[in-house]
């Protein structure tokens, strides 16, 4: 029973766990949603996110952002400072 809403059951999002192999490349995942993401965005596709500072390419936007934050923090800070100066100059 849910303490916040007496009489209502807790709704639980159930993920499917197990071994889920990709039918295209054979890579396995512990969660079905991870396999679905892999087949939709990654498997057999070229990386679509190009780093503007180096040759690095990523298949996922989150990995692209993480790469730039970790590897090119100095460049991002420089760009942010430049944009702030341009906005305040107007």
C-alpha atoms as a PDB file:
ATOM      1  CA  UNK A   1       0.000   0.000   0.000  1.00  0.00           C
ATOM      2  CA  UNK A   2       1.203   3.497  -0.779  1.00  0.00           C
ATOM      3  CA  UNK A   3       1.534   5.758   2.280  1.00  0.00           C
ATOM      4  CA  UNK A   4       0.962   8.911   0.229  1.00  0.00           C
ATOM      5  CA  UNK A   5      -2.209   7.643  -1.409  1.00  0.00           C
ATOM      6  CA  UNK A   6      -3.937   5.089   0.828  1.00  0.00           C
ATOM      7  CA  UNK A   7      -5.723   2.374  -1.080  1.00  0.00           C
ATOM      8  CA  UNK A   8      -3.597   2.707  -4.204  1.00  0.00           C
ATOM      9  CA  UNK A   9      -0.949   0.188  -5.112  1.00  0.00           C
ATOM     10  CA  UNK A  10       2.561   1.333  -5.889  1.00  0.00           C
ATOM     11  CA  UNK A  11       3.185   1.316  -9.572  1.00  0.00           C
ATOM     12  CA  UNK A  12       6.458  -0.302 -10.358  1.00  0.00           C
ATOM     13  CA  UNK A  13       8.225   0.047 -13.642  1.00  0.00           C
ATOM     14  CA  UNK A  14       9.493  -3.412 -14.365  1.00  0.00           C
ATOM     15  CA  UNK A  15      12.492  -3.732 -16.578  1.00  0.00           C
ATOM     16  CA  UNK A  16      13.256  -7.008 -18.222  1.00  0.00           C
ATOM     17  CA  UNK A  17      16.553  -8.380 -16.981  1.00  0.00           C
ATOM     18  CA  UNK A  18      18.485 -11.283 -18.443  1.00  0.00           C
ATOM     19  CA  UNK A  19      20.746 -11.759 -21.406  1.00  0.00           C
ATOM     20  CA  UNK A  20      19.548  -9.970 -24.524  1.00  0.00           C
ATOM     21  CA  UNK A  21      21.751 -10.493 -27.593  1.00  0.00           C
ATOM     22  CA  UNK A  22      21.686  -8.166 -30.582  1.00  0.00           C
ATOM     23  CA  UNK A  23      20.524 -10.159 -33.619  1.00  0.00           C
ATOM     24  CA  UNK A  24      22.808  -8.091 -35.888  1.00  0.00           C
ATOM     25  CA  UNK A  25      26.162  -8.002 -34.094  1.00  0.00           C
ATOM     26  CA  UNK A  26      25.788 -10.441 -31.194  1.00  0.00           C
ATOM     27  CA  UNK A  27      26.566  -7.924 -28.463  1.00  0.00           C
ATOM     28  CA  UNK A  28      24.675  -8.807 -25.292  1.00  0.00           C
ATOM     29  CA  UNK A  29      22.871  -6.599 -22.809  1.00  0.00           C
ATOM     30  CA  UNK A  30      21.522  -7.228 -19.339  1.00  0.00           C
ATOM     31  CA  UNK A  31      18.468  -5.054 -19.934  1.00  0.00           C
ATOM     32  CA  UNK A  32      16.040  -5.174 -22.813  1.00  0.00           C
ATOM     33  CA  UNK A  33      15.793  -1.378 -23.036  1.00  0.00           C
ATOM     34  CA  UNK A  34      19.584  -1.189 -23.491  1.00  0.00           C
ATOM     35  CA  UNK A  35      19.360  -3.599 -26.421  1.00  0.00           C
ATOM     36  CA  UNK A  36      16.540  -1.522 -27.913  1.00  0.00           C
ATOM     37  CA  UNK A  37      18.631   1.668 -27.628  1.00  0.00           C
ATOM     38  CA  UNK A  38      21.584  -0.150 -29.186  1.00  0.00           C
ATOM     39  CA  UNK A  39      19.602  -1.393 -32.183  1.00  0.00           C
ATOM     40  CA  UNK A  40      17.885   1.959 -32.709  1.00  0.00           C
ATOM     41  CA  UNK A  41      20.872   4.309 -32.414  1.00  0.00           C
ATOM     42  CA  UNK A  42      24.132   2.378 -32.515  1.00  0.00           C
ATOM     43  CA  UNK A  43      24.259  -0.996 -34.253  1.00  0.00           C
ATOM     44  CA  UNK A  44      25.642  -0.747 -37.770  1.00  0.00           C
ATOM     45  CA  UNK A  45      25.489   3.051 -37.773  1.00  0.00           C
ATOM     46  CA  UNK A  46      28.324   5.505 -38.162  1.00  0.00           C
ATOM     47  CA  UNK A  47      28.963   7.925 -35.278  1.00  0.00           C
ATOM     48  CA  UNK A  48      26.997  11.106 -35.915  1.00  0.00           C
ATOM     49  CA  UNK A  49      28.413  13.444 -33.256  1.00  0.00           C
ATOM     50  CA  UNK A  50      31.743  14.989 -34.275  1.00  0.00           C
ATOM     51  CA  UNK A  51      33.846  16.794 -31.687  1.00  0.00           C
ATOM     52  CA  UNK A  52      34.628  20.328 -32.929  1.00  0.00           C
ATOM     53  CA  UNK A  53      38.059  20.228 -31.250  1.00  0.00           C
ATOM     54  CA  UNK A  54      39.469  16.824 -32.235  1.00  0.00           C
ATOM     55  CA  UNK A  55      38.783  13.806 -34.488  1.00  0.00           C
ATOM     56  CA  UNK A  56      36.656  12.042 -31.837  1.00  0.00           C
ATOM     57  CA  UNK A  57      33.219  10.875 -33.034  1.00  0.00           C
ATOM     58  CA  UNK A  58      30.460   9.457 -30.841  1.00  0.00           C
ATOM     59  CA  UNK A  59      27.275   7.534 -31.493  1.00  0.00           C
ATOM     60  CA  UNK A  60      25.500   9.000 -28.478  1.00  0.00           C
ATOM     61  CA  UNK A  61      24.977  12.684 -27.747  1.00  0.00           C
ATOM     62  CA  UNK A  62      25.557  12.117 -24.017  1.00  0.00           C
ATOM     63  CA  UNK A  63      28.969  10.582 -24.743  1.00  0.00           C
ATOM     64  CA  UNK A  64      29.784  13.495 -27.063  1.00  0.00           C
ATOM     65  CA  UNK A  65      28.960  16.053 -24.354  1.00  0.00           C
ATOM     66  CA  UNK A  66      30.848  14.079 -21.706  1.00  0.00           C
ATOM     67  CA  UNK A  67      33.893  13.875 -23.996  1.00  0.00           C
ATOM     68  CA  UNK A  68      33.956  17.641 -24.533  1.00  0.00           C
ATOM     69  CA  UNK A  69      33.467  18.362 -20.824  1.00  0.00           C
ATOM     70  CA  UNK A  70      36.306  16.049 -19.848  1.00  0.00           C
ATOM     71  CA  UNK A  71      38.774  16.523 -22.685  1.00  0.00           C
ATOM     72  CA  UNK A  72      38.165  20.099 -23.795  1.00  0.00           C
ATOM     73  CA  UNK A  73      37.029  21.931 -20.670  1.00  0.00           C
ATOM     74  CA  UNK A  74      39.489  24.749 -21.358  1.00  0.00           C
ATOM     75  CA  UNK A  75      38.066  25.307 -24.848  1.00  0.00           C
ATOM     76  CA  UNK A  76      34.475  25.255 -23.587  1.00  0.00           C
ATOM     77  CA  UNK A  77      35.327  27.795 -20.890  1.00  0.00           C
ATOM     78  CA  UNK A  78      36.983  30.010 -23.495  1.00  0.00           C
ATOM     79  CA  UNK A  79      33.923  29.834 -25.754  1.00  0.00           C
ATOM     80  CA  UNK A  80      31.537  30.561 -22.862  1.00  0.00           C
ATOM     81  CA  UNK A  81      33.563  33.607 -21.826  1.00  0.00           C
ATOM     82  CA  UNK A  82      33.603  34.865 -25.423  1.00  0.00           C
ATOM     83  CA  UNK A  83      29.820  34.491 -25.741  1.00  0.00           C
ATOM     84  CA  UNK A  84      29.253  36.310 -22.430  1.00  0.00           C
ATOM     85  CA  UNK A  85      31.426  39.214 -23.597  1.00  0.00           C
ATOM     86  CA  UNK A  86      29.534  39.415 -26.904  1.00  0.00           C
ATOM     87  CA  UNK A  87      26.147  39.439 -25.174  1.00  0.00           C
ATOM     88  CA  UNK A  88      27.124  42.114 -22.642  1.00  0.00           C
ATOM     89  CA  UNK A  89      28.665  44.285 -25.389  1.00  0.00           C
ATOM     90  CA  UNK A  90      25.327  44.629 -27.201  1.00  0.00           C
END
